[in-house]
Amino acid sequence: MKILTPAHSYFLQHDSSAEFPENGQHLRFVHKTFNDDGTEKYVFPGTTDEEVLDVLIDRITTLNDRNYSGYNIEALVGLKRAKAALQQRTNDRKARGVEGTSKA
């Protein structure tokens, strides 16, 4: 992994055993800029932490169905807890009326 823009843009290297190991892929997260009053100014498109967690949950669940491992179950529990914590954060921000702003 190479950090291109901290917290927003990454280059993910393909597995070294892949057919084209020098290639990789770009992972971009939503990047918001804000006005002086804390309201959104511009949103650069990208994915979210929750979407990436959903991908990992699906991948590990599917692979674990083929070849069970207790380690996979442990990883899934952690990923699901992380997703739940992010959802709680979003719900809290919505309840306080600060979702979509730069306010804490």
PDB file of N, CA and C in Angstrom:
ATOM      1  N   MET A   1       0.828  -1.171   0.000  1.00  0.00           N
ATOM      2  CA  MET A   1       0.000   0.000   0.000  1.00  0.00           C
ATOM      3  C   MET A   1       0.882   1.247   0.000  1.00  0.00           C
ATOM      4  N   LYS A   2       0.466   2.198  -0.813  1.00  0.00           N
ATOM      5  CA  LYS A   2       1.150   3.485  -0.831  1.00  0.00           C
ATOM      6  C   LYS A   2       0.095   4.566  -0.575  1.00  0.00           C
ATOM      7  N   ILE A   3       0.382   5.444   0.381  1.00  0.00           N
ATOM      8  CA  ILE A   3      -0.529   6.541   0.700  1.00  0.00           C
ATOM      9  C   ILE A   3      -0.280   7.664  -0.295  1.00  0.00           C
ATOM     10  N   LEU A   4      -1.305   8.010  -1.059  1.00  0.00           N
ATOM     11  CA  LEU A   4      -1.195   9.101  -2.026  1.00  0.00           C
ATOM     12  C   LEU A   4      -1.659  10.416  -1.406  1.00  0.00           C
ATOM     13  N   THR A   5      -2.816  10.402  -0.763  1.00  0.00           N
ATOM     14  CA  THR A   5      -3.342  11.538  -0.003  1.00  0.00           C
ATOM     15  C   THR A   5      -3.834  10.969   1.319  1.00  0.00           C
ATOM     16  N   PRO A   6      -3.185  11.287   2.437  1.00  0.00           N
ATOM     17  CA  PRO A   6      -3.560  10.687   3.712  1.00  0.00           C
ATOM     18  C   PRO A   6      -5.072  10.747   3.970  1.00  0.00           C
ATOM     19  N   ALA A   7      -5.621   9.594   4.335  1.00  0.00           N
ATOM     20  CA  ALA A   7      -7.039   9.406   4.667  1.00  0.00           C
ATOM     21  C   ALA A   7      -7.974   9.431   3.462  1.00  0.00           C
ATOM     22  N   HIS A   8      -7.464   9.668   2.244  1.00  0.00           N
ATOM     23  CA  HIS A   8      -8.362   9.812   1.100  1.00  0.00           C
ATOM     24  C   HIS A   8      -7.984   9.015  -0.144  1.00  0.00           C
ATOM     25  N   SER A   9      -6.711   8.760  -0.377  1.00  0.00           N
ATOM     26  CA  SER A   9      -6.314   8.136  -1.638  1.00  0.00           C
ATOM     27  C   SER A   9      -5.123   7.204  -1.419  1.00  0.00           C
ATOM     28  N   TYR A  10      -5.261   5.972  -1.926  1.00  0.00           N
ATOM     29  CA  TYR A  10      -4.245   4.943  -1.719  1.00  0.00           C
ATOM     30  C   TYR A  10      -4.006   4.173  -3.017  1.00  0.00           C
ATOM     31  N   PHE A  11      -2.804   3.679  -3.165  1.00  0.00           N
ATOM     32  CA  PHE A  11      -2.498   2.754  -4.255  1.00  0.00           C
ATOM     33  C   PHE A  11      -2.262   1.400  -3.611  1.00  0.00           C
ATOM     34  N   LEU A  12      -3.059   0.406  -4.024  1.00  0.00           N
ATOM     35  CA  LEU A  12      -2.949  -0.944  -3.477  1.00  0.00           C
ATOM     36  C   LEU A  12      -2.220  -1.827  -4.475  1.00  0.00           C
ATOM     37  N   GLN A  13      -1.107  -2.371  -4.056  1.00  0.00           N
ATOM     38  CA  GLN A  13      -0.288  -3.237  -4.908  1.00  0.00           C
ATOM     39  C   GLN A  13      -0.955  -4.592  -5.039  1.00  0.00           C
ATOM     40  N   HIS A  14      -0.957  -5.154  -6.234  1.00  0.00           N
ATOM     41  CA  HIS A  14      -1.461  -6.507  -6.416  1.00  0.00           C
ATOM     42  C   HIS A  14      -0.526  -7.503  -5.746  1.00  0.00           C
ATOM     43  N   ASP A  15      -1.053  -8.647  -5.431  1.00  0.00           N
ATOM     44  CA  ASP A  15      -0.281  -9.737  -4.855  1.00  0.00           C
ATOM     45  C   ASP A  15       0.927 -10.009  -5.753  1.00  0.00           C
ATOM     46  N   SER A  16       2.083 -10.232  -5.154  1.00  0.00           N
ATOM     47  CA  SER A  16       3.312 -10.436  -5.940  1.00  0.00           C
ATOM     48  C   SER A  16       3.240 -11.685  -6.805  1.00  0.00           C
ATOM     49  N   SER A  17       2.323 -12.591  -6.493  1.00  0.00           N
ATOM     50  CA  SER A  17       2.191 -13.791  -7.317  1.00  0.00           C
ATOM     51  C   SER A  17       1.209 -13.582  -8.468  1.00  0.00           C
ATOM     52  N   ALA A  18       0.615 -12.398  -8.541  1.00  0.00           N
ATOM     53  CA  ALA A  18      -0.345 -12.108  -9.605  1.00  0.00           C
ATOM     54  C   ALA A  18       0.366 -12.084 -10.958  1.00  0.00           C
ATOM     55  N   GLU A  19      -0.414 -12.238 -12.008  1.00  0.00           N
ATOM     56  CA  GLU A  19       0.138 -12.272 -13.361  1.00  0.00           C
ATOM     57  C   GLU A  19       0.908 -10.996 -13.694  1.00  0.00           C
ATOM     58  N   PHE A  20       0.414  -9.864 -13.223  1.00  0.00           N
ATOM     59  CA  PHE A  20       1.052  -8.570 -13.476  1.00  0.00           C
ATOM     60  C   PHE A  20       1.367  -7.905 -12.136  1.00  0.00           C
ATOM     61  N   PRO A  21       2.395  -8.358 -11.432  1.00  0.00           N
ATOM     62  CA  PRO A  21       2.662  -7.879 -10.070  1.00  0.00           C
ATOM     63  C   PRO A  21       2.989  -6.393  -9.984  1.00  0.00           C
ATOM     64  N   GLU A  22       3.395  -5.779 -11.093  1.00  0.00           N
ATOM     65  CA  GLU A  22       3.727  -4.349 -11.035  1.00  0.00           C
ATOM     66  C   GLU A  22       2.468  -3.489 -11.023  1.00  0.00           C
ATOM     67  N   ASN A  23       1.331  -4.082 -11.325  1.00  0.00           N
ATOM     68  CA  ASN A  23       0.077  -3.343 -11.362  1.00  0.00           C
ATOM     69  C   ASN A  23      -0.585  -3.331  -9.997  1.00  0.00           C
ATOM     70  N   GLY A  24      -1.493  -2.436  -9.842  1.00  0.00           N
ATOM     71  CA  GLY A  24      -2.266  -2.344  -8.619  1.00  0.00           C
ATOM     72  C   GLY A  24      -3.543  -1.609  -8.914  1.00  0.00           C
ATOM     73  N   GLN A  25      -4.138  -1.078  -7.870  1.00  0.00           N
ATOM     74  CA  GLN A  25      -5.373  -0.335  -8.056  1.00  0.00           C
ATOM     75  C   GLN A  25      -5.438   0.842  -7.111  1.00  0.00           C
ATOM     76  N   HIS A  26      -6.196   1.813  -7.521  1.00  0.00           N
ATOM     77  CA  HIS A  26      -6.349   3.043  -6.765  1.00  0.00           C
ATOM     78  C   HIS A  26      -7.617   2.933  -5.923  1.00  0.00           C
ATOM     79  N   LEU A  27      -7.512   3.212  -4.642  1.00  0.00           N
ATOM     80  CA  LEU A  27      -8.653   3.224  -3.733  1.00  0.00           C
ATOM     81  C   LEU A  27      -8.855   4.653  -3.272  1.00  0.00           C
ATOM     82  N   ARG A  28     -10.012   5.210  -3.600  1.00  0.00           N
ATOM     83  CA  ARG A  28     -10.315   6.601  -3.235  1.00  0.00           C
ATOM     84  C   ARG A  28     -11.510   6.651  -2.302  1.00  0.00           C
ATOM     85  N   PHE A  29     -11.359   7.418  -1.246  1.00  0.00           N
ATOM     86  CA  PHE A  29     -12.442   7.648  -0.307  1.00  0.00           C
ATOM     87  C   PHE A  29     -13.035   9.034  -0.545  1.00  0.00           C
ATOM     88  N   VAL A  30     -14.281   9.197  -0.131  1.00  0.00           N
ATOM     89  CA  VAL A  30     -14.922  10.505  -0.209  1.00  0.00           C
ATOM     90  C   VAL A  30     -14.005  11.518   0.483  1.00  0.00           C
ATOM     91  N   HIS A  31     -13.856  12.670  -0.134  1.00  0.00           N
ATOM     92  CA  HIS A  31     -13.025  13.743   0.425  1.00  0.00           C
ATOM     93  C   HIS A  31     -13.838  15.025   0.359  1.00  0.00           C
ATOM     94  N   LYS A  32     -14.207  15.527   1.531  1.00  0.00           N
ATOM     95  CA  LYS A  32     -15.031  16.732   1.600  1.00  0.00           C
ATOM     96  C   LYS A  32     -14.173  17.929   1.980  1.00  0.00           C
ATOM     97  N   THR A  33     -14.482  19.056   1.377  1.00  0.00           N
ATOM     98  CA  THR A  33     -13.899  20.324   1.824  1.00  0.00           C
ATOM     99  C   THR A  33     -15.050  21.141   2.400  1.00  0.00           C
ATOM    100  N   PHE A  34     -14.701  22.073   3.286  1.00  0.00           N
ATOM    101  CA  PHE A  34     -15.733  22.799   4.022  1.00  0.00           C
ATOM    102  C   PHE A  34     -15.542  24.307   3.930  1.00  0.00           C
ATOM    103  N   ASN A  35     -16.668  25.007   4.001  1.00  0.00           N
ATOM    104  CA  ASN A  35     -16.666  26.460   4.084  1.00  0.00           C
ATOM    105  C   ASN A  35     -16.236  26.875   5.488  1.00  0.00           C
ATOM    106  N   ASP A  36     -15.967  28.157   5.681  1.00  0.00           N
ATOM    107  CA  ASP A  36     -15.542  28.660   6.991  1.00  0.00           C
ATOM    108  C   ASP A  36     -16.560  28.377   8.092  1.00  0.00           C
ATOM    109  N   ASP A  37     -17.847  28.294   7.728  1.00  0.00           N
ATOM    110  CA  ASP A  37     -18.880  28.036   8.742  1.00  0.00           C
ATOM    111  C   ASP A  37     -19.058  26.544   9.040  1.00  0.00           C
ATOM    112  N   GLY A  38     -18.240  25.687   8.412  1.00  0.00           N
ATOM    113  CA  GLY A  38     -18.290  24.251   8.676  1.00  0.00           C
ATOM    114  C   GLY A  38     -19.197  23.471   7.752  1.00  0.00           C
ATOM    115  N   THR A  39     -19.902  24.144   6.848  1.00  0.00           N
ATOM    116  CA  THR A  39     -20.772  23.449   5.900  1.00  0.00           C
ATOM    117  C   THR A  39     -19.947  22.926   4.724  1.00  0.00           C
ATOM    118  N   GLU A  40     -20.490  21.883   4.071  1.00  0.00           N
ATOM    119  CA  GLU A  40     -19.782  21.282   2.934  1.00  0.00           C
ATOM    120  C   GLU A  40     -19.617  22.289   1.803  1.00  0.00           C
ATOM    121  N   LYS A  41     -18.403  22.335   1.271  1.00  0.00           N
ATOM    122  CA  LYS A  41     -18.104  23.182   0.123  1.00  0.00           C
ATOM    123  C   LYS A  41     -18.076  22.336  -1.141  1.00  0.00           C
ATOM    124  N   TYR A  42     -17.320  21.258  -1.092  1.00  0.00           N
ATOM    125  CA  TYR A  42     -17.194  20.383  -2.258  1.00  0.00           C
ATOM    126  C   TYR A  42     -16.929  18.962  -1.784  1.00  0.00           C
ATOM    127  N   VAL A  43     -17.497  18.006  -2.506  1.00  0.00           N
ATOM    128  CA  VAL A  43     -17.281  16.601  -2.188  1.00  0.00           C
ATOM    129  C   VAL A  43     -16.624  15.927  -3.389  1.00  0.00           C
ATOM    130  N   PHE A  44     -15.404  15.425  -3.184  1.00  0.00           N
ATOM    131  CA  PHE A  44     -14.730  14.634  -4.209  1.00  0.00           C
ATOM    132  C   PHE A  44     -15.263  13.207  -4.092  1.00  0.00           C
ATOM    133  N   PRO A  45     -15.666  12.578  -5.189  1.00  0.00           N
ATOM    134  CA  PRO A  45     -16.279  11.257  -5.102  1.00  0.00           C
ATOM    135  C   PRO A  45     -15.305  10.177  -4.640  1.00  0.00           C
ATOM    136  N   GLY A  46     -15.858   9.202  -3.986  1.00  0.00           N
ATOM    137  CA  GLY A  46     -15.082   8.064  -3.524  1.00  0.00           C
ATOM    138  C   GLY A  46     -15.946   7.159  -2.679  1.00  0.00           C
ATOM    139  N   THR A  47     -15.362   6.117  -2.156  1.00  0.00           N
ATOM    140  CA  THR A  47     -16.094   5.162  -1.347  1.00  0.00           C
ATOM    141  C   THR A  47     -16.043   5.566   0.121  1.00  0.00           C
ATOM    142  N   THR A  48     -16.639   4.739   0.966  1.00  0.00           N
ATOM    143  CA  THR A  48     -16.666   4.999   2.410  1.00  0.00           C
ATOM    144  C   THR A  48     -16.022   3.830   3.154  1.00  0.00           C
ATOM    145  N   ASP A  49     -15.700   4.072   4.404  1.00  0.00           N
ATOM    146  CA  ASP A  49     -15.166   3.004   5.251  1.00  0.00           C
ATOM    147  C   ASP A  49     -16.155   1.846   5.334  1.00  0.00           C
ATOM    148  N   GLU A  50     -17.450   2.188   5.457  1.00  0.00           N
ATOM    149  CA  GLU A  50     -18.480   1.157   5.584  1.00  0.00           C
ATOM    150  C   GLU A  50     -18.541   0.259   4.349  1.00  0.00           C
ATOM    151  N   GLU A  51     -18.391   0.831   3.161  1.00  0.00           N
ATOM    152  CA  GLU A  51     -18.401   0.036   1.934  1.00  0.00           C
ATOM    153  C   GLU A  51     -17.218  -0.926   1.894  1.00  0.00           C
ATOM    154  N   VAL A  52     -16.050  -0.444   2.290  1.00  0.00           N
ATOM    155  CA  VAL A  52     -14.864  -1.303   2.296  1.00  0.00           C
ATOM    156  C   VAL A  52     -15.041  -2.427   3.317  1.00  0.00           C
ATOM    157  N   LEU A  53     -15.604  -2.106   4.477  1.00  0.00           N
ATOM    158  CA  LEU A  53     -15.863  -3.150   5.474  1.00  0.00           C
ATOM    159  C   LEU A  53     -16.854  -4.176   4.933  1.00  0.00           C
ATOM    160  N   ASP A  54     -17.901  -3.727   4.215  1.00  0.00           N
ATOM    161  CA  ASP A  54     -18.856  -4.664   3.620  1.00  0.00           C
ATOM    162  C   ASP A  54     -18.175  -5.606   2.634  1.00  0.00           C
ATOM    163  N   VAL A  55     -17.244  -5.079   1.853  1.00  0.00           N
ATOM    164  CA  VAL A  55     -16.496  -5.922   0.905  1.00  0.00           C
ATOM    165  C   VAL A  55     -15.699  -6.978   1.662  1.00  0.00           C
ATOM    166  N   LEU A  56     -14.990  -6.561   2.702  1.00  0.00           N
ATOM    167  CA  LEU A  56     -14.171  -7.502   3.470  1.00  0.00           C
ATOM    168  C   LEU A  56     -15.035  -8.544   4.178  1.00  0.00           C
ATOM    169  N   ILE A  57     -16.180  -8.122   4.721  1.00  0.00           N
ATOM    170  CA  ILE A  57     -17.091  -9.060   5.385  1.00  0.00           C
ATOM    171  C   ILE A  57     -17.583 -10.095   4.383  1.00  0.00           C
ATOM    172  N   ASP A  58     -17.989  -9.644   3.201  1.00  0.00           N
ATOM    173  CA  ASP A  58     -18.460 -10.579   2.174  1.00  0.00           C
ATOM    174  C   ASP A  58     -17.355 -11.534   1.746  1.00  0.00           C
ATOM    175  N   ARG A  59     -16.172 -10.989   1.512  1.00  0.00           N
ATOM    176  CA  ARG A  59     -15.054 -11.816   1.032  1.00  0.00           C
ATOM    177  C   ARG A  59     -14.683 -12.891   2.049  1.00  0.00           C
ATOM    178  N   ILE A  60     -14.511 -12.490   3.300  1.00  0.00           N
ATOM    179  CA  ILE A  60     -14.092 -13.463   4.318  1.00  0.00           C
ATOM    180  C   ILE A  60     -15.198 -14.475   4.586  1.00  0.00           C
ATOM    181  N   THR A  61     -16.464 -14.032   4.583  1.00  0.00           N
ATOM    182  CA  THR A  61     -17.580 -14.962   4.776  1.00  0.00           C
ATOM    183  C   THR A  61     -17.615 -16.000   3.658  1.00  0.00           C
ATOM    184  N   THR A  62     -17.498 -15.540   2.420  1.00  0.00           N
ATOM    185  CA  THR A  62     -17.541 -16.444   1.274  1.00  0.00           C
ATOM    186  C   THR A  62     -16.380 -17.431   1.303  1.00  0.00           C
ATOM    187  N   LEU A  63     -15.177 -16.951   1.545  1.00  0.00           N
ATOM    188  CA  LEU A  63     -14.015 -17.841   1.590  1.00  0.00           C
ATOM    189  C   LEU A  63     -14.084 -18.793   2.779  1.00  0.00           C
ATOM    190  N   ASN A  64     -14.625 -18.316   3.896  1.00  0.00           N
ATOM    191  CA  ASN A  64     -14.744 -19.166   5.074  1.00  0.00           C
ATOM    192  C   ASN A  64     -15.758 -20.287   4.848  1.00  0.00           C
ATOM    193  N   ASP A  65     -16.792 -20.017   4.035  1.00  0.00           N
ATOM    194  CA  ASP A  65     -17.760 -21.066   3.704  1.00  0.00           C
ATOM    195  C   ASP A  65     -17.093 -22.202   2.937  1.00  0.00           C
ATOM    196  N   ARG A  66     -16.057 -21.881   2.188  1.00  0.00           N
ATOM    197  CA  ARG A  66     -15.321 -22.896   1.420  1.00  0.00           C
ATOM    198  C   ARG A  66     -14.282 -23.622   2.269  1.00  0.00           C
ATOM    199  N   ASN A  67     -13.667 -22.882   3.196  1.00  0.00           N
ATOM    200  CA  ASN A  67     -12.577 -23.435   3.988  1.00  0.00           C
ATOM    201  C   ASN A  67     -12.619 -22.787   5.372  1.00  0.00           C
ATOM    202  N   TYR A  68     -13.380 -23.392   6.276  1.00  0.00           N
ATOM    203  CA  TYR A  68     -13.619 -22.822   7.601  1.00  0.00           C
ATOM    204  C   TYR A  68     -12.332 -22.634   8.395  1.00  0.00           C
ATOM    205  N   SER A  69     -12.283 -21.498   9.099  1.00  0.00           N
ATOM    206  CA  SER A  69     -11.192 -21.226  10.033  1.00  0.00           C
ATOM    207  C   SER A  69     -11.723 -20.359  11.164  1.00  0.00           C
ATOM    208  N   GLY A  70     -11.374 -20.698  12.365  1.00  0.00           N
ATOM    209  CA  GLY A  70     -11.745 -19.880  13.516  1.00  0.00           C
ATOM    210  C   GLY A  70     -11.162 -18.483  13.429  1.00  0.00           C
ATOM    211  N   TYR A  71     -10.020 -18.362  12.773  1.00  0.00           N
ATOM    212  CA  TYR A  71      -9.410 -17.042  12.591  1.00  0.00           C
ATOM    213  C   TYR A  71     -10.297 -16.151  11.718  1.00  0.00           C
ATOM    214  N   ASN A  72     -10.928 -16.756  10.717  1.00  0.00           N
ATOM    215  CA  ASN A  72     -11.848 -15.987   9.878  1.00  0.00           C
ATOM    216  C   ASN A  72     -13.027 -15.473  10.693  1.00  0.00           C
ATOM    217  N   ILE A  73     -13.553 -16.319  11.569  1.00  0.00           N
ATOM    218  CA  ILE A  73     -14.678 -15.912  12.417  1.00  0.00           C
ATOM    219  C   ILE A  73     -14.250 -14.755  13.313  1.00  0.00           C
ATOM    220  N   GLU A  74     -13.068 -14.853  13.872  1.00  0.00           N
ATOM    221  CA  GLU A  74     -12.525 -13.780  14.719  1.00  0.00           C
ATOM    222  C   GLU A  74     -12.408 -12.477  13.924  1.00  0.00           C
ATOM    223  N   ALA A  75     -11.919 -12.574  12.705  1.00  0.00           N
ATOM    224  CA  ALA A  75     -11.784 -11.392  11.840  1.00  0.00           C
ATOM    225  C   ALA A  75     -13.156 -10.806  11.523  1.00  0.00           C
ATOM    226  N   LEU A  76     -14.135 -11.663  11.233  1.00  0.00           N
ATOM    227  CA  LEU A  76     -15.481 -11.188  10.930  1.00  0.00           C
ATOM    228  C   LEU A  76     -16.110 -10.461  12.110  1.00  0.00           C
ATOM    229  N   VAL A  77     -15.900 -10.975  13.302  1.00  0.00           N
ATOM    230  CA  VAL A  77     -16.428 -10.309  14.502  1.00  0.00           C
ATOM    231  C   VAL A  77     -15.838  -8.904  14.611  1.00  0.00           C
ATOM    232  N   GLY A  78     -14.540  -8.776  14.402  1.00  0.00           N
ATOM    233  CA  GLY A  78     -13.892  -7.466  14.472  1.00  0.00           C
ATOM    234  C   GLY A  78     -14.399  -6.512  13.401  1.00  0.00           C
ATOM    235  N   LEU A  79     -14.554  -7.020  12.171  1.00  0.00           N
ATOM    236  CA  LEU A  79     -15.041  -6.175  11.073  1.00  0.00           C
ATOM    237  C   LEU A  79     -16.470  -5.712  11.335  1.00  0.00           C
ATOM    238  N   LYS A  80     -17.308  -6.608  11.835  1.00  0.00           N
ATOM    239  CA  LYS A  80     -18.700  -6.246  12.126  1.00  0.00           C
ATOM    240  C   LYS A  80     -18.787  -5.258  13.286  1.00  0.00           C
ATOM    241  N   ARG A  81     -17.917  -5.398  14.261  1.00  0.00           N
ATOM    242  CA  ARG A  81     -17.881  -4.427  15.368  1.00  0.00           C
ATOM    243  C   ARG A  81     -17.446  -3.049  14.860  1.00  0.00           C
ATOM    244  N   ALA A  82     -16.464  -3.042  13.968  1.00  0.00           N
ATOM    245  CA  ALA A  82     -16.001  -1.774  13.393  1.00  0.00           C
ATOM    246  C   ALA A  82     -17.131  -1.107  12.617  1.00  0.00           C
ATOM    247  N   LYS A  83     -17.865  -1.873  11.837  1.00  0.00           N
ATOM    248  CA  LYS A  83     -18.969  -1.307  11.066  1.00  0.00           C
ATOM    249  C   LYS A  83     -20.049  -0.768  11.988  1.00  0.00           C
ATOM    250  N   ALA A  84     -20.361  -1.497  13.047  1.00  0.00           N
ATOM    251  CA  ALA A  84     -21.372  -1.039  14.005  1.00  0.00           C
ATOM    252  C   ALA A  84     -20.939   0.260  14.687  1.00  0.00           C
ATOM    253  N   ALA A  85     -19.657   0.368  15.024  1.00  0.00           N
ATOM    254  CA  ALA A  85     -19.157   1.594  15.666  1.00  0.00           C
ATOM    255  C   ALA A  85     -19.276   2.782  14.718  1.00  0.00           C
ATOM    256  N   LEU A  86     -18.972   2.577  13.445  1.00  0.00           N
ATOM    257  CA  LEU A  86     -19.098   3.667  12.468  1.00  0.00           C
ATOM    258  C   LEU A  86     -20.555   4.076  12.285  1.00  0.00           C
ATOM    259  N   GLN A  87     -21.475   3.103  12.317  1.00  0.00           N
ATOM    260  CA  GLN A  87     -22.900   3.413  12.203  1.00  0.00           C
ATOM    261  C   GLN A  87     -23.378   4.189  13.433  1.00  0.00           C
ATOM    262  N   GLN A  88     -22.889   3.817  14.613  1.00  0.00           N
ATOM    263  CA  GLN A  88     -23.228   4.551  15.832  1.00  0.00           C
ATOM    264  C   GLN A  88     -22.732   5.989  15.753  1.00  0.00           C
ATOM    265  N   ARG A  89     -21.529   6.171  15.212  1.00  0.00           N
ATOM    266  CA  ARG A  89     -20.981   7.520  15.044  1.00  0.00           C
ATOM    267  C   ARG A  89     -21.881   8.342  14.126  1.00  0.00           C
ATOM    268  N   THR A  90     -22.287   7.756  13.003  1.00  0.00           N
ATOM    269  CA  THR A  90     -23.167   8.451  12.061  1.00  0.00           C
ATOM    270  C   THR A  90     -24.496   8.802  12.721  1.00  0.00           C
ATOM    271  N   ASN A  91     -25.098   7.855  13.428  1.00  0.00           N
ATOM    272  CA  ASN A  91     -26.375   8.113  14.103  1.00  0.00           C
ATOM    273  C   ASN A  91     -26.242   9.240  15.120  1.00  0.00           C
ATOM    274  N   ASP A  92     -25.146   9.241  15.866  1.00  0.00           N
ATOM    275  CA  ASP A  92     -24.894  10.289  16.854  1.00  0.00           C
ATOM    276  C   ASP A  92     -24.755  11.649  16.177  1.00  0.00           C
ATOM    277  N   ARG A  93     -23.998  11.706  15.085  1.00  0.00           N
ATOM    278  CA  ARG A  93     -23.801  12.975  14.368  1.00  0.00           C
ATOM    279  C   ARG A  93     -25.123  13.484  13.793  1.00  0.00           C
ATOM    280  N   LYS A  94     -25.951  12.575  13.274  1.00  0.00           N
ATOM    281  CA  LYS A  94     -27.267  12.975  12.759  1.00  0.00           C
ATOM    282  C   LYS A  94     -28.140  13.517  13.881  1.00  0.00           C
ATOM    283  N   ALA A  95     -28.138  12.835  15.019  1.00  0.00           N
ATOM    284  CA  ALA A  95     -28.953  13.255  16.166  1.00  0.00           C
ATOM    285  C   ALA A  95     -28.537  14.630  16.684  1.00  0.00           C
ATOM    286  N   ARG A  96     -27.245  14.940  16.591  1.00  0.00           N
ATOM    287  CA  ARG A  96     -26.747  16.240  17.046  1.00  0.00           C
ATOM    288  C   ARG A  96     -26.812  17.313  15.960  1.00  0.00           C
ATOM    289  N   GLY A  97     -27.216  16.913  14.737  1.00  0.00           N
ATOM    290  CA  GLY A  97     -27.337  17.869  13.646  1.00  0.00           C
ATOM    291  C   GLY A  97     -26.025  18.326  13.065  1.00  0.00           C
ATOM    292  N   VAL A  98     -24.971  17.517  13.199  1.00  0.00           N
ATOM    293  CA  VAL A  98     -23.666  17.905  12.662  1.00  0.00           C
ATOM    294  C   VAL A  98     -23.195  17.007  11.525  1.00  0.00           C
ATOM    295  N   GLU A  99     -24.018  16.020  11.138  1.00  0.00           N
ATOM    296  CA  GLU A  99     -23.643  15.134  10.029  1.00  0.00           C
ATOM    297  C   GLU A  99     -23.525  15.970   8.758  1.00  0.00           C
ATOM    298  N   GLY A 100     -22.452  15.753   8.000  1.00  0.00           N
ATOM    299  CA  GLY A 100     -22.222  16.512   6.764  1.00  0.00           C
ATOM    300  C   GLY A 100     -21.540  17.839   6.994  1.00  0.00           C
ATOM    301  N   THR A 101     -21.048  18.066   8.222  1.00  0.00           N
ATOM    302  CA  THR A 101     -20.314  19.291   8.518  1.00  0.00           C
ATOM    303  C   THR A 101     -18.951  18.915   9.079  1.00  0.00           C
ATOM    304  N   SER A 102     -18.093  19.920   9.289  1.00  0.00           N
ATOM    305  CA  SER A 102     -16.792  19.656   9.883  1.00  0.00           C
ATOM    306  C   SER A 102     -16.823  19.773  11.404  1.00  0.00           C
ATOM    307  N   LYS A 103     -17.995  19.989  11.966  1.00  0.00           N
ATOM    308  CA  LYS A 103     -18.128  20.107  13.419  1.00  0.00           C
ATOM    309  C   LYS A 103     -17.996  18.738  14.079  1.00  0.00           C
ATOM    310  N   ALA A 104     -17.361  18.726  15.254  1.00  0.00           N
ATOM    311  CA  ALA A 104     -17.128  17.467  15.980  1.00  0.00           C
ATOM    312  C   ALA A 104     -18.400  16.910  16.588  1.00  0.00           C
TER     313      ALA A 104
END
